[in-house]
Every structure is written in C-alpha cells, then in structure tokens.
C-alpha cells in the first residue's frame, strides 16, 4: 500500500465514522450512488451500500455499512472483478473497487459474513 493510499484510507474511515452517509464528491469527480439492504439472514446479518466514482483515483469507493464489525467484505461485479476489505469496529468499510468510470450503473454484490447487499456502481 502506498503512503497516499494509506492516508486516504485513514481519512475516509474517519469521515465514515463521523457521518455514515458519504460526503458529496469533490470537484472533478463523477458520482453514482446506490444503496440496498440485504435479504433475510439466519444470523441477522445485514448491510447497505453506496458507491461513488473518484476521477482522482480512477476507482469506485464502495461504502459498506453492516452490523458485522471486524469482518471481511467482498465486492463482486457482473464482469467478475472483485475487491476485499475489512469492516471496522462499527461495521463500516470503504472498499476501493477498480472498475472504469464506464462501469457506472453496473450491478455489484457485497458479501459480509451472512449478509449480501445488491446495488449499482
């Protein structure tokens, strides 16, 4: 991980903890947002997602909010691209998803333990 990426991760985590909804995109970024809840789960696991494209980093930030702290998050799209990250102690994660800006509107699925969320980039 580069130092710049680490700084971004720290800044993003702080922002997510301060306000669950992502902040408006900075100037020069194109954003697409989508949030859905997971279906029923035997373990009561649930999640919601929001995605935003960053022109600066040429990737999507997939913001995940779940009731599953300190767990692995996996994002998958229809093209087979995947990315993983971990939720923090509050159940939040910002997964850096490498897909082109042209992928806006494509369906993604997020898995966190027993929860699955579906939305779009």
PDB file of N, CA and C in Angstrom:
ATOM      1  N   UNK A   1       0.850  -1.171   0.000  1.00  0.00           N
ATOM      2  CA  UNK A   1       0.000   0.000   0.000  1.00  0.00           C
ATOM      3  C   UNK A   1       0.895   1.232   0.000  1.00  0.00           C
ATOM      4  N   UNK A   2       0.560   2.183  -0.842  1.00  0.00           N
ATOM      5  CA  UNK A   2       1.340   3.413  -0.884  1.00  0.00           C
ATOM      6  C   UNK A   2       0.956   4.311   0.285  1.00  0.00           C
ATOM      7  N   UNK A   3       1.824   5.250   0.600  1.00  0.00           N
ATOM      8  CA  UNK A   3       1.550   6.194   1.679  1.00  0.00           C
ATOM      9  C   UNK A   3       0.298   7.013   1.368  1.00  0.00           C
ATOM     10  N   UNK A   4       0.152   7.440   0.115  1.00  0.00           N
ATOM     11  CA  UNK A   4      -1.031   8.222  -0.271  1.00  0.00           C
ATOM     12  C   UNK A   4      -2.307   7.405  -0.063  1.00  0.00           C
ATOM     13  N   UNK A   5      -2.273   6.130  -0.430  1.00  0.00           N
ATOM     14  CA  UNK A   5      -3.444   5.252  -0.267  1.00  0.00           C
ATOM     15  C   UNK A   5      -3.756   5.080   1.226  1.00  0.00           C
ATOM     16  N   UNK A   6      -2.718   4.928   2.049  1.00  0.00           N
ATOM     17  CA  UNK A   6      -2.922   4.795   3.494  1.00  0.00           C
ATOM     18  C   UNK A   6      -3.541   6.065   4.072  1.00  0.00           C
ATOM     19  N   UNK A   7      -3.050   7.219   3.654  1.00  0.00           N
ATOM     20  CA  UNK A   7      -3.641   8.488   4.118  1.00  0.00           C
ATOM     21  C   UNK A   7      -5.107   8.567   3.726  1.00  0.00           C
ATOM     22  N   UNK A   8      -5.406   8.170   2.503  1.00  0.00           N
ATOM     23  CA  UNK A   8      -6.793   8.203   2.021  1.00  0.00           C
ATOM     24  C   UNK A   8      -7.672   7.267   2.853  1.00  0.00           C
ATOM     25  N   UNK A   9      -7.162   6.074   3.152  1.00  0.00           N
ATOM     26  CA  UNK A   9      -7.934   5.116   3.950  1.00  0.00           C
ATOM     27  C   UNK A   9      -8.217   5.664   5.341  1.00  0.00           C
ATOM     28  N   UNK A  10      -7.233   6.281   5.958  1.00  0.00           N
ATOM     29  CA  UNK A  10      -7.422   6.857   7.285  1.00  0.00           C
ATOM     30  C   UNK A  10      -8.436   7.992   7.232  1.00  0.00           C
ATOM     31  N   UNK A  11      -8.294   8.871   6.257  1.00  0.00           N
ATOM     32  CA  UNK A  11      -9.218  10.000   6.130  1.00  0.00           C
ATOM     33  C   UNK A  11     -10.634   9.518   5.860  1.00  0.00           C
ATOM     34  N   UNK A  12     -10.782   8.529   5.004  1.00  0.00           N
ATOM     35  CA  UNK A  12     -12.110   8.014   4.660  1.00  0.00           C
ATOM     36  C   UNK A  12     -12.753   7.336   5.852  1.00  0.00           C
ATOM     37  N   UNK A  13     -11.992   6.539   6.591  1.00  0.00           N
ATOM     38  CA  UNK A  13     -12.540   5.864   7.760  1.00  0.00           C
ATOM     39  C   UNK A  13     -13.029   6.888   8.772  1.00  0.00           C
ATOM     40  N   UNK A  14     -12.254   7.941   8.994  1.00  0.00           N
ATOM     41  CA  UNK A  14     -12.658   8.969   9.928  1.00  0.00           C
ATOM     42  C   UNK A  14     -13.965   9.617   9.473  1.00  0.00           C
ATOM     43  N   UNK A  15     -14.066   9.923   8.195  1.00  0.00           N
ATOM     44  CA  UNK A  15     -15.276  10.543   7.662  1.00  0.00           C
ATOM     45  C   UNK A  15     -16.468   9.606   7.829  1.00  0.00           C
ATOM     46  N   UNK A  16     -16.292   8.316   7.553  1.00  0.00           N
ATOM     47  CA  UNK A  16     -17.390   7.364   7.701  1.00  0.00           C
ATOM     48  C   UNK A  16     -17.856   7.262   9.145  1.00  0.00           C
ATOM     49  N   UNK A  17     -16.927   7.308  10.088  1.00  0.00           N
ATOM     50  CA  UNK A  17     -17.311   7.237  11.492  1.00  0.00           C
ATOM     51  C   UNK A  17     -18.027   8.501  11.935  1.00  0.00           C
ATOM     52  N   UNK A  18     -17.647   9.635  11.392  1.00  0.00           N
ATOM     53  CA  UNK A  18     -18.269  10.900  11.766  1.00  0.00           C
ATOM     54  C   UNK A  18     -19.663  11.044  11.172  1.00  0.00           C
ATOM     55  N   UNK A  19     -19.858  10.555   9.954  1.00  0.00           N
ATOM     56  CA  UNK A  19     -21.148  10.664   9.269  1.00  0.00           C
ATOM     57  C   UNK A  19     -21.335   9.431   8.386  1.00  0.00           C
ATOM     58  N   UNK A  20     -22.327   8.573   8.674  1.00  0.00           N
ATOM     59  CA  UNK A  20     -22.499   7.339   7.922  1.00  0.00           C
ATOM     60  C   UNK A  20     -22.680   7.529   6.415  1.00  0.00           C
ATOM     61  N   UNK A  21     -23.309   8.591   5.987  1.00  0.00           N
ATOM     62  CA  UNK A  21     -23.502   8.807   4.550  1.00  0.00           C
ATOM     63  C   UNK A  21     -22.245   9.433   3.966  1.00  0.00           C
ATOM     64  N   UNK A  22     -21.851   9.028   2.752  1.00  0.00           N
ATOM     65  CA  UNK A  22     -20.673   9.630   2.143  1.00  0.00           C
ATOM     66  C   UNK A  22     -20.882  11.110   1.866  1.00  0.00           C
ATOM     67  N   UNK A  23     -19.800  11.844   1.986  1.00  0.00           N
ATOM     68  CA  UNK A  23     -19.843  13.273   1.716  1.00  0.00           C
ATOM     69  C   UNK A  23     -20.003  13.510   0.226  1.00  0.00           C
ATOM     70  N   UNK A  24     -20.482  14.690  -0.180  1.00  0.00           N
ATOM     71  CA  UNK A  24     -20.569  14.976  -1.607  1.00  0.00           C
ATOM     72  C   UNK A  24     -19.209  14.828  -2.261  1.00  0.00           C
ATOM     73  N   UNK A  25     -19.212  14.420  -3.516  1.00  0.00           N
ATOM     74  CA  UNK A  25     -17.957  14.196  -4.235  1.00  0.00           C
ATOM     75  C   UNK A  25     -17.212  15.500  -4.423  1.00  0.00           C
ATOM     76  N   UNK A  26     -15.876  15.442  -4.338  1.00  0.00           N
ATOM     77  CA  UNK A  26     -15.094  16.643  -4.580  1.00  0.00           C
ATOM     78  C   UNK A  26     -15.209  17.059  -6.039  1.00  0.00           C
ATOM     79  N   UNK A  27     -14.895  18.316  -6.297  1.00  0.00           N
ATOM     80  CA  UNK A  27     -14.929  18.829  -7.664  1.00  0.00           C
ATOM     81  C   UNK A  27     -14.076  17.959  -8.565  1.00  0.00           C
ATOM     82  N   UNK A  28     -14.590  17.647  -9.747  1.00  0.00           N
ATOM     83  CA  UNK A  28     -13.840  16.817 -10.678  1.00  0.00           C
ATOM     84  C   UNK A  28     -14.174  15.342 -10.581  1.00  0.00           C
ATOM     85  N   UNK A  29     -15.057  14.957  -9.668  1.00  0.00           N
ATOM     86  CA  UNK A  29     -15.433  13.559  -9.542  1.00  0.00           C
ATOM     87  C   UNK A  29     -16.842  13.350 -10.058  1.00  0.00           C
ATOM     88  N   UNK A  30     -17.048  12.222 -10.667  1.00  0.00           N
ATOM     89  CA  UNK A  30     -18.372  11.822 -11.100  1.00  0.00           C
ATOM     90  C   UNK A  30     -18.871  10.796 -10.102  1.00  0.00           C
ATOM     91  N   UNK A  31     -20.096  10.935  -9.620  1.00  0.00           N
ATOM     92  CA  UNK A  31     -20.594  10.018  -8.610  1.00  0.00           C
ATOM     93  C   UNK A  31     -21.879   9.343  -9.042  1.00  0.00           C
ATOM     94  N   UNK A  32     -21.992   8.104  -8.679  1.00  0.00           N
ATOM     95  CA  UNK A  32     -23.220   7.350  -8.805  1.00  0.00           C
ATOM     96  C   UNK A  32     -23.434   6.677  -7.469  1.00  0.00           C
ATOM     97  N   UNK A  33     -24.614   6.810  -6.911  1.00  0.00           N
ATOM     98  CA  UNK A  33     -24.874   6.235  -5.595  1.00  0.00           C
ATOM     99  C   UNK A  33     -25.995   5.214  -5.675  1.00  0.00           C
ATOM    100  N   UNK A  34     -25.866   4.170  -4.909  1.00  0.00           N
ATOM    101  CA  UNK A  34     -26.914   3.171  -4.818  1.00  0.00           C
ATOM    102  C   UNK A  34     -26.825   2.512  -3.461  1.00  0.00           C
ATOM    103  N   UNK A  35     -27.945   2.308  -2.815  1.00  0.00           N
ATOM    104  CA  UNK A  35     -27.943   1.629  -1.531  1.00  0.00           C
ATOM    105  C   UNK A  35     -29.107   0.653  -1.469  1.00  0.00           C
ATOM    106  N   UNK A  36     -28.836  -0.540  -1.005  1.00  0.00           N
ATOM    107  CA  UNK A  36     -29.882  -1.528  -0.823  1.00  0.00           C
ATOM    108  C   UNK A  36     -29.603  -2.298   0.451  1.00  0.00           C
ATOM    109  N   UNK A  37     -30.635  -2.876   1.022  1.00  0.00           N
ATOM    110  CA  UNK A  37     -30.465  -3.692   2.214  1.00  0.00           C
ATOM    111  C   UNK A  37     -30.378  -5.150   1.823  1.00  0.00           C
ATOM    112  N   UNK A  38     -29.765  -5.901   2.694  1.00  0.00           N
ATOM    113  CA  UNK A  38     -29.655  -7.330   2.443  1.00  0.00           C
ATOM    114  C   UNK A  38     -30.988  -8.010   2.681  1.00  0.00           C
ATOM    115  N   UNK A  39     -31.097  -9.206   2.166  1.00  0.00           N
ATOM    116  CA  UNK A  39     -32.273 -10.035   2.414  1.00  0.00           C
ATOM    117  C   UNK A  39     -32.180 -10.638   3.800  1.00  0.00           C
ATOM    118  N   UNK A  40     -33.187 -11.418   4.179  1.00  0.00           N
ATOM    119  CA  UNK A  40     -33.180 -12.035   5.498  1.00  0.00           C
ATOM    120  C   UNK A  40     -31.968 -12.954   5.674  1.00  0.00           C
ATOM    121  N   UNK A  41     -31.459 -13.002   6.865  1.00  0.00           N
ATOM    122  CA  UNK A  41     -30.312 -13.843   7.174  1.00  0.00           C
ATOM    123  C   UNK A  41     -30.567 -14.561   8.484  1.00  0.00           C
ATOM    124  N   UNK A  42     -30.207 -15.823   8.513  1.00  0.00           N
ATOM    125  CA  UNK A  42     -30.420 -16.616   9.721  1.00  0.00           C
ATOM    126  C   UNK A  42     -29.670 -16.024  10.908  1.00  0.00           C
ATOM    127  N   UNK A  43     -28.508 -15.451  10.650  1.00  0.00           N
ATOM    128  CA  UNK A  43     -27.700 -14.893  11.721  1.00  0.00           C
ATOM    129  C   UNK A  43     -28.067 -13.440  12.028  1.00  0.00           C
ATOM    130  N   UNK A  44     -29.022 -12.855  11.290  1.00  0.00           N
ATOM    131  CA  UNK A  44     -29.396 -11.461  11.489  1.00  0.00           C
ATOM    132  C   UNK A  44     -28.418 -10.490  10.865  1.00  0.00           C
ATOM    133  N   UNK A  45     -27.498 -10.979  10.051  1.00  0.00           N
ATOM    134  CA  UNK A  45     -26.524 -10.105   9.399  1.00  0.00           C
ATOM    135  C   UNK A  45     -27.228  -9.264   8.345  1.00  0.00           C
ATOM    136  N   UNK A  46     -26.840  -7.986   8.256  1.00  0.00           N
ATOM    137  CA  UNK A  46     -27.427  -7.104   7.245  1.00  0.00           C
ATOM    138  C   UNK A  46     -26.402  -6.058   6.833  1.00  0.00           C
ATOM    139  N   UNK A  47     -26.645  -5.432   5.669  1.00  0.00           N
ATOM    140  CA  UNK A  47     -25.738  -4.398   5.194  1.00  0.00           C
ATOM    141  C   UNK A  47     -26.447  -3.480   4.208  1.00  0.00           C
ATOM    142  N   UNK A  48     -25.853  -2.311   4.012  1.00  0.00           N
ATOM    143  CA  UNK A  48     -26.271  -1.380   2.975  1.00  0.00           C
ATOM    144  C   UNK A  48     -25.010  -0.907   2.273  1.00  0.00           C
ATOM    145  N   UNK A  49     -25.166  -0.451   1.021  1.00  0.00           N
ATOM    146  CA  UNK A  49     -24.004   0.010   0.265  1.00  0.00           C
ATOM    147  C   UNK A  49     -24.305   1.301  -0.464  1.00  0.00           C
ATOM    148  N   UNK A  50     -23.258   2.055  -0.705  1.00  0.00           N
ATOM    149  CA  UNK A  50     -23.292   3.250  -1.530  1.00  0.00           C
ATOM    150  C   UNK A  50     -21.998   3.254  -2.329  1.00  0.00           C
ATOM    151  N   UNK A  51     -22.079   3.566  -3.619  1.00  0.00           N
ATOM    152  CA  UNK A  51     -20.875   3.591  -4.459  1.00  0.00           C
ATOM    153  C   UNK A  51     -20.680   4.970  -5.057  1.00  0.00           C
ATOM    154  N   UNK A  52     -19.431   5.392  -5.161  1.00  0.00           N
ATOM    155  CA  UNK A  52     -19.085   6.691  -5.705  1.00  0.00           C
ATOM    156  C   UNK A  52     -17.791   6.565  -6.495  1.00  0.00           C
ATOM    157  N   UNK A  53     -17.772   7.091  -7.727  1.00  0.00           N
ATOM    158  CA  UNK A  53     -16.564   7.031  -8.547  1.00  0.00           C
ATOM    159  C   UNK A  53     -15.658   8.220  -8.251  1.00  0.00           C
ATOM    160  N   UNK A  54     -14.357   7.960  -8.173  1.00  0.00           N
ATOM    161  CA  UNK A  54     -13.369   9.009  -7.939  1.00  0.00           C
ATOM    162  C   UNK A  54     -12.515   9.187  -9.186  1.00  0.00           C
ATOM    163  N   UNK A  55     -12.636  10.341  -9.851  1.00  0.00           N
ATOM    164  CA  UNK A  55     -11.790  10.647 -11.005  1.00  0.00           C
ATOM    165  C   UNK A  55     -10.322  10.742 -10.576  1.00  0.00           C
ATOM    166  N   UNK A  56     -10.097  11.179  -9.368  1.00  0.00           N
ATOM    167  CA  UNK A  56      -8.724  11.338  -8.889  1.00  0.00           C
ATOM    168  C   UNK A  56      -7.997  10.001  -8.787  1.00  0.00           C
ATOM    169  N   UNK A  57      -8.695   8.974  -8.268  1.00  0.00           N
ATOM    170  CA  UNK A  57      -8.059   7.670  -8.063  1.00  0.00           C
ATOM    171  C   UNK A  57      -8.461   6.632  -9.114  1.00  0.00           C
ATOM    172  N   UNK A  58      -9.379   6.996  -9.994  1.00  0.00           N
ATOM    173  CA  UNK A  58      -9.844   6.107 -11.061  1.00  0.00           C
ATOM    174  C   UNK A  58     -10.358   4.779 -10.507  1.00  0.00           C
ATOM    175  N   UNK A  59     -11.171   4.876  -9.468  1.00  0.00           N
ATOM    176  CA  UNK A  59     -11.811   3.693  -8.903  1.00  0.00           C
ATOM    177  C   UNK A  59     -13.109   4.110  -8.228  1.00  0.00           C
ATOM    178  N   UNK A  60     -13.851   3.121  -7.792  1.00  0.00           N
ATOM    179  CA  UNK A  60     -15.078   3.371  -7.049  1.00  0.00           C
ATOM    180  C   UNK A  60     -14.798   3.159  -5.573  1.00  0.00           C
ATOM    181  N   UNK A  61     -15.377   4.017  -4.755  1.00  0.00           N
ATOM    182  CA  UNK A  61     -15.419   3.780  -3.323  1.00  0.00           C
ATOM    183  C   UNK A  61     -16.757   3.118  -3.072  1.00  0.00           C
ATOM    184  N   UNK A  62     -16.730   1.887  -2.620  1.00  0.00           N
ATOM    185  CA  UNK A  62     -17.961   1.194  -2.257  1.00  0.00           C
ATOM    186  C   UNK A  62     -18.033   1.248  -0.731  1.00  0.00           C
ATOM    187  N   UNK A  63     -18.915   2.106  -0.239  1.00  0.00           N
ATOM    188  CA  UNK A  63     -19.090   2.285   1.195  1.00  0.00           C
ATOM    189  C   UNK A  63     -20.070   1.238   1.697  1.00  0.00           C
ATOM    190  N   UNK A  64     -19.658   0.483   2.681  1.00  0.00           N
ATOM    191  CA  UNK A  64     -20.475  -0.598   3.229  1.00  0.00           C
ATOM    192  C   UNK A  64     -20.759  -0.286   4.689  1.00  0.00           C
ATOM    193  N   UNK A  65     -22.017  -0.409   5.064  1.00  0.00           N
ATOM    194  CA  UNK A  65     -22.406  -0.296   6.467  1.00  0.00           C
ATOM    195  C   UNK A  65     -23.114  -1.589   6.822  1.00  0.00           C
ATOM    196  N   UNK A  66     -22.613  -2.263   7.845  1.00  0.00           N
ATOM    197  CA  UNK A  66     -23.210  -3.536   8.251  1.00  0.00           C
ATOM    198  C   UNK A  66     -23.264  -3.613   9.767  1.00  0.00           C
ATOM    199  N   UNK A  67     -23.912  -4.653  10.231  1.00  0.00           N
ATOM    200  CA  UNK A  67     -23.908  -4.922  11.665  1.00  0.00           C
ATOM    201  C   UNK A  67     -22.888  -6.019  11.979  1.00  0.00           C
ATOM    202  N   UNK A  68     -21.857  -6.112  11.125  1.00  0.00           N
ATOM    203  CA  UNK A  68     -20.812  -7.128  11.261  1.00  0.00           C
ATOM    204  C   UNK A  68     -19.444  -6.453  11.420  1.00  0.00           C
ATOM    205  N   UNK A  69     -19.049  -6.072  12.628  1.00  0.00           N
ATOM    206  CA  UNK A  69     -17.760  -5.414  12.826  1.00  0.00           C
ATOM    207  C   UNK A  69     -16.592  -6.383  12.643  1.00  0.00           C
ATOM    208  N   UNK A  70     -15.471  -5.839  12.198  1.00  0.00           N
ATOM    209  CA  UNK A  70     -14.218  -6.586  12.085  1.00  0.00           C
ATOM    210  C   UNK A  70     -14.352  -7.857  11.247  1.00  0.00           C
ATOM    211  N   UNK A  71     -15.015  -7.740  10.112  1.00  0.00           N
ATOM    212  CA  UNK A  71     -15.211  -8.877   9.210  1.00  0.00           C
ATOM    213  C   UNK A  71     -14.750  -8.519   7.801  1.00  0.00           C
ATOM    214  N   UNK A  72     -14.510  -9.531   6.988  1.00  0.00           N
ATOM    215  CA  UNK A  72     -14.097  -9.324   5.604  1.00  0.00           C
ATOM    216  C   UNK A  72     -15.303  -8.964   4.750  1.00  0.00           C
ATOM    217  N   UNK A  73     -15.112  -7.965   3.881  1.00  0.00           N
ATOM    218  CA  UNK A  73     -16.122  -7.520   2.922  1.00  0.00           C
ATOM    219  C   UNK A  73     -15.613  -7.888   1.532  1.00  0.00           C
ATOM    220  N   UNK A  74     -16.457  -8.467   0.699  1.00  0.00           N
ATOM    221  CA  UNK A  74     -16.096  -8.774  -0.677  1.00  0.00           C
ATOM    222  C   UNK A  74     -17.100  -8.113  -1.608  1.00  0.00           C
ATOM    223  N   UNK A  75     -16.589  -7.381  -2.596  1.00  0.00           N
ATOM    224  CA  UNK A  75     -17.416  -6.735  -3.624  1.00  0.00           C
ATOM    225  C   UNK A  75     -17.170  -7.469  -4.935  1.00  0.00           C
ATOM    226  N   UNK A  76     -18.247  -7.807  -5.640  1.00  0.00           N
ATOM    227  CA  UNK A  76     -18.164  -8.527  -6.910  1.00  0.00           C
ATOM    228  C   UNK A  76     -19.075  -7.838  -7.913  1.00  0.00           C
ATOM    229  N   UNK A  77     -18.601  -7.684  -9.167  1.00  0.00           N
ATOM    230  CA  UNK A  77     -19.489  -7.158 -10.209  1.00  0.00           C
ATOM    231  C   UNK A  77     -19.736  -8.228 -11.267  1.00  0.00           C
ATOM    232  N   UNK A  78     -20.626  -7.932 -12.198  1.00  0.00           N
ATOM    233  CA  UNK A  78     -21.018  -8.887 -13.227  1.00  0.00           C
ATOM    234  C   UNK A  78     -19.860  -9.256 -14.153  1.00  0.00           C
ATOM    235  N   UNK A  79     -18.849  -8.385 -14.261  1.00  0.00           N
ATOM    236  CA  UNK A  79     -17.695  -8.647 -15.123  1.00  0.00           C
ATOM    237  C   UNK A  79     -16.673  -9.557 -14.438  1.00  0.00           C
ATOM    238  N   UNK A  80     -16.918  -9.911 -13.181  1.00  0.00           N
ATOM    239  CA  UNK A  80     -16.004 -10.789 -12.460  1.00  0.00           C
ATOM    240  C   UNK A  80     -14.933 -10.078 -11.656  1.00  0.00           C
ATOM    241  N   UNK A  81     -14.947  -8.742 -11.643  1.00  0.00           N
ATOM    242  CA  UNK A  81     -13.984  -8.001 -10.828  1.00  0.00           C
ATOM    243  C   UNK A  81     -14.363  -8.170  -9.363  1.00  0.00           C
ATOM    244  N   UNK A  82     -13.361  -8.301  -8.516  1.00  0.00           N
ATOM    245  CA  UNK A  82     -13.616  -8.420  -7.081  1.00  0.00           C
ATOM    246  C   UNK A  82     -12.645  -7.536  -6.311  1.00  0.00           C
ATOM    247  N   UNK A  83     -13.036  -7.189  -5.106  1.00  0.00           N
ATOM    248  CA  UNK A  83     -12.169  -6.461  -4.186  1.00  0.00           C
ATOM    249  C   UNK A  83     -12.609  -6.824  -2.777  1.00  0.00           C
ATOM    250  N   UNK A  84     -11.663  -6.837  -1.861  1.00  0.00           N
ATOM    251  CA  UNK A  84     -11.995  -7.133  -0.470  1.00  0.00           C
ATOM    252  C   UNK A  84     -11.405  -6.074   0.447  1.00  0.00           C
ATOM    253  N   UNK A  85     -11.995  -5.930   1.598  1.00  0.00           N
ATOM    254  CA  UNK A  85     -11.515  -5.054   2.652  1.00  0.00           C
ATOM    255  C   UNK A  85     -12.106  -5.580   3.938  1.00  0.00           C
ATOM    256  N   UNK A  86     -11.980  -4.841   5.001  1.00  0.00           N
ATOM    257  CA  UNK A  86     -12.498  -5.281   6.300  1.00  0.00           C
ATOM    258  C   UNK A  86     -13.343  -4.182   6.926  1.00  0.00           C
ATOM    259  N   UNK A  87     -14.411  -4.578   7.589  1.00  0.00           N
ATOM    260  CA  UNK A  87     -15.205  -3.597   8.317  1.00  0.00           C
ATOM    261  C   UNK A  87     -14.437  -3.193   9.569  1.00  0.00           C
ATOM    262  N   UNK A  88     -14.690  -1.970  10.001  1.00  0.00           N
ATOM    263  CA  UNK A  88     -14.056  -1.516  11.234  1.00  0.00           C
ATOM    264  C   UNK A  88     -14.898  -1.963  12.429  1.00  0.00           C
ATOM    265  N   UNK A  89     -14.576  -1.477  13.596  1.00  0.00           N
ATOM    266  CA  UNK A  89     -15.281  -1.908  14.806  1.00  0.00           C
ATOM    267  C   UNK A  89     -16.736  -1.454  14.843  1.00  0.00           C
ATOM    268  N   UNK A  90     -17.128  -0.542  13.951  1.00  0.00           N
ATOM    269  CA  UNK A  90     -18.522  -0.097  13.860  1.00  0.00           C
ATOM    270  C   UNK A  90     -19.273  -0.775  12.720  1.00  0.00           C
ATOM    271  N   UNK A  91     -18.602  -1.606  11.935  1.00  0.00           N
ATOM    272  CA  UNK A  91     -19.247  -2.290  10.823  1.00  0.00           C
ATOM    273  C   UNK A  91     -19.159  -1.554   9.499  1.00  0.00           C
ATOM    274  N   UNK A  92     -18.350  -0.481   9.427  1.00  0.00           N
ATOM    275  CA  UNK A  92     -18.191   0.295   8.193  1.00  0.00           C
ATOM    276  C   UNK A  92     -16.942  -0.156   7.430  1.00  0.00           C
ATOM    277  N   UNK A  93     -17.007  -0.031   6.103  1.00  0.00           N
ATOM    278  CA  UNK A  93     -15.834  -0.285   5.265  1.00  0.00           C
ATOM    279  C   UNK A  93     -15.927   0.579   4.017  1.00  0.00           C
ATOM    280  N   UNK A  94     -14.779   0.989   3.503  1.00  0.00           N
ATOM    281  CA  UNK A  94     -14.682   1.671   2.213  1.00  0.00           C
ATOM    282  C   UNK A  94     -13.815   0.774   1.346  1.00  0.00           C
ATOM    283  N   UNK A  95     -14.444   0.078   0.415  1.00  0.00           N
ATOM    284  CA  UNK A  95     -13.730  -0.854  -0.451  1.00  0.00           C
ATOM    285  C   UNK A  95     -13.358  -0.123  -1.730  1.00  0.00           C
ATOM    286  N   UNK A  96     -12.052  -0.103  -2.057  1.00  0.00           N
ATOM    287  CA  UNK A  96     -11.578   0.513  -3.301  1.00  0.00           C
ATOM    288  C   UNK A  96     -11.781  -0.490  -4.414  1.00  0.00           C
ATOM    289  N   UNK A  97     -12.746  -0.207  -5.277  1.00  0.00           N
ATOM    290  CA  UNK A  97     -13.143  -1.145  -6.323  1.00  0.00           C
ATOM    291  C   UNK A  97     -12.655  -0.639  -7.669  1.00  0.00           C
ATOM    292  N   UNK A  98     -11.706  -1.355  -8.270  1.00  0.00           N
ATOM    293  CA  UNK A  98     -11.092  -0.932  -9.527  1.00  0.00           C
ATOM    294  C   UNK A  98     -11.952  -1.356 -10.707  1.00  0.00           C
ATOM    295  N   UNK A  99     -12.734  -0.406 -11.184  1.00  0.00           N
ATOM    296  CA  UNK A  99     -13.576  -0.583 -12.369  1.00  0.00           C
ATOM    297  C   UNK A  99     -13.579   0.756 -13.093  1.00  0.00           C
ATOM    298  N   UNK A 100     -13.702   0.733 -14.413  1.00  0.00           N
ATOM    299  CA  UNK A 100     -13.674   2.001 -15.161  1.00  0.00           C
ATOM    300  C   UNK A 100     -14.909   2.849 -14.887  1.00  0.00           C
ATOM    301  N   UNK A 101     -14.798   4.149 -15.120  1.00  0.00           N
ATOM    302  CA  UNK A 101     -15.933   5.054 -14.941  1.00  0.00           C
ATOM    303  C   UNK A 101     -17.117   4.593 -15.777  1.00  0.00           C
ATOM    304  N   UNK A 102     -16.843   3.974 -16.925  1.00  0.00           N
ATOM    305  CA  UNK A 102     -17.903   3.486 -17.809  1.00  0.00           C
ATOM    306  C   UNK A 102     -18.715   2.359 -17.179  1.00  0.00           C
ATOM    307  N   UNK A 103     -18.259   1.816 -16.061  1.00  0.00           N
ATOM    308  CA  UNK A 103     -18.998   0.748 -15.377  1.00  0.00           C
ATOM    309  C   UNK A 103     -20.182   1.293 -14.573  1.00  0.00           C
ATOM    310  N   UNK A 104     -20.345   2.608 -14.537  1.00  0.00           N
ATOM    311  CA  UNK A 104     -21.459   3.217 -13.791  1.00  0.00           C
ATOM    312  C   UNK A 104     -22.768   2.574 -14.210  1.00  0.00           C
ATOM    313  N   UNK A 105     -23.562   2.202 -13.227  1.00  0.00           N
ATOM    314  CA  UNK A 105     -24.851   1.565 -13.485  1.00  0.00           C
ATOM    315  C   UNK A 105     -24.790   0.049 -13.448  1.00  0.00           C
ATOM    316  N   UNK A 106     -23.575  -0.527 -13.454  1.00  0.00           N
ATOM    317  CA  UNK A 106     -23.451  -1.987 -13.386  1.00  0.00           C
ATOM    318  C   UNK A 106     -23.797  -2.478 -11.987  1.00  0.00           C
ATOM    319  N   UNK A 107     -24.356  -3.665 -11.922  1.00  0.00           N
ATOM    320  CA  UNK A 107     -24.751  -4.274 -10.658  1.00  0.00           C
ATOM    321  C   UNK A 107     -23.530  -4.795  -9.906  1.00  0.00           C
ATOM    322  N   UNK A 108     -23.518  -4.555  -8.597  1.00  0.00           N
ATOM    323  CA  UNK A 108     -22.499  -5.130  -7.726  1.00  0.00           C
ATOM    324  C   UNK A 108     -23.198  -5.872  -6.595  1.00  0.00           C
ATOM    325  N   UNK A 109     -22.488  -6.845  -6.048  1.00  0.00           N
ATOM    326  CA  UNK A 109     -22.959  -7.595  -4.889  1.00  0.00           C
ATOM    327  C   UNK A 109     -21.881  -7.502  -3.827  1.00  0.00           C
ATOM    328  N   UNK A 110     -22.287  -7.257  -2.601  1.00  0.00           N
ATOM    329  CA  UNK A 110     -21.378  -7.173  -1.471  1.00  0.00           C
ATOM    330  C   UNK A 110     -21.736  -8.271  -0.487  1.00  0.00           C
ATOM    331  N   UNK A 111     -20.724  -8.991  -0.019  1.00  0.00           N
ATOM    332  CA  UNK A 111     -20.909 -10.038   0.988  1.00  0.00           C
ATOM    333  C   UNK A 111     -20.139  -9.657   2.246  1.00  0.00           C
ATOM    334  N   UNK A 112     -20.816  -9.699   3.390  1.00  0.00           N
ATOM    335  CA  UNK A 112     -20.199  -9.503   4.696  1.00  0.00           C
ATOM    336  C   UNK A 112     -20.748 -10.610   5.578  1.00  0.00           C
ATOM    337  N   UNK A 113     -19.940 -11.612   5.878  1.00  0.00           N
ATOM    338  CA  UNK A 113     -20.360 -12.778   6.657  1.00  0.00           C
ATOM    339  C   UNK A 113     -21.645 -13.332   6.060  1.00  0.00           C
ATOM    340  N   UNK A 114     -22.776 -13.294   6.769  1.00  0.00           N
ATOM    341  CA  UNK A 114     -24.030 -13.840   6.259  1.00  0.00           C
ATOM    342  C   UNK A 114     -24.903 -12.857   5.517  1.00  0.00           C
ATOM    343  N   UNK A 115     -24.432 -11.634   5.334  1.00  0.00           N
ATOM    344  CA  UNK A 115     -25.237 -10.604   4.666  1.00  0.00           C
ATOM    345  C   UNK A 115     -24.795 -10.429   3.217  1.00  0.00           C
ATOM    346  N   UNK A 116     -25.762 -10.166   2.350  1.00  0.00           N
ATOM    347  CA  UNK A 116     -25.481  -9.822   0.946  1.00  0.00           C
ATOM    348  C   UNK A 116     -26.280  -8.580   0.594  1.00  0.00           C
ATOM    349  N   UNK A 117     -25.622  -7.607  -0.028  1.00  0.00           N
ATOM    350  CA  UNK A 117     -26.261  -6.390  -0.491  1.00  0.00           C
ATOM    351  C   UNK A 117     -26.093  -6.330  -2.008  1.00  0.00           C
ATOM    352  N   UNK A 118     -27.070  -5.770  -2.672  1.00  0.00           N
ATOM    353  CA  UNK A 118     -27.011  -5.599  -4.117  1.00  0.00           C
ATOM    354  C   UNK A 118     -27.261  -4.137  -4.442  1.00  0.00           C
ATOM    355  N   UNK A 119     -26.515  -3.623  -5.395  1.00  0.00           N
ATOM    356  CA  UNK A 119     -26.694  -2.237  -5.806  1.00  0.00           C
ATOM    357  C   UNK A 119     -25.997  -2.008  -7.127  1.00  0.00           C
ATOM    358  N   UNK A 120     -25.745  -0.764  -7.455  1.00  0.00           N
ATOM    359  CA  UNK A 120     -25.075  -0.415  -8.703  1.00  0.00           C
ATOM    360  C   UNK A 120     -23.922   0.526  -8.442  1.00  0.00           C
ATOM    361  N   UNK A 121     -22.985   0.494  -9.370  1.00  0.00           N
ATOM    362  CA  UNK A 121     -21.863   1.427  -9.312  1.00  0.00           C
ATOM    363  C   UNK A 121     -22.360   2.776  -9.790  1.00  0.00           C
TER     364      UNK A 121
END
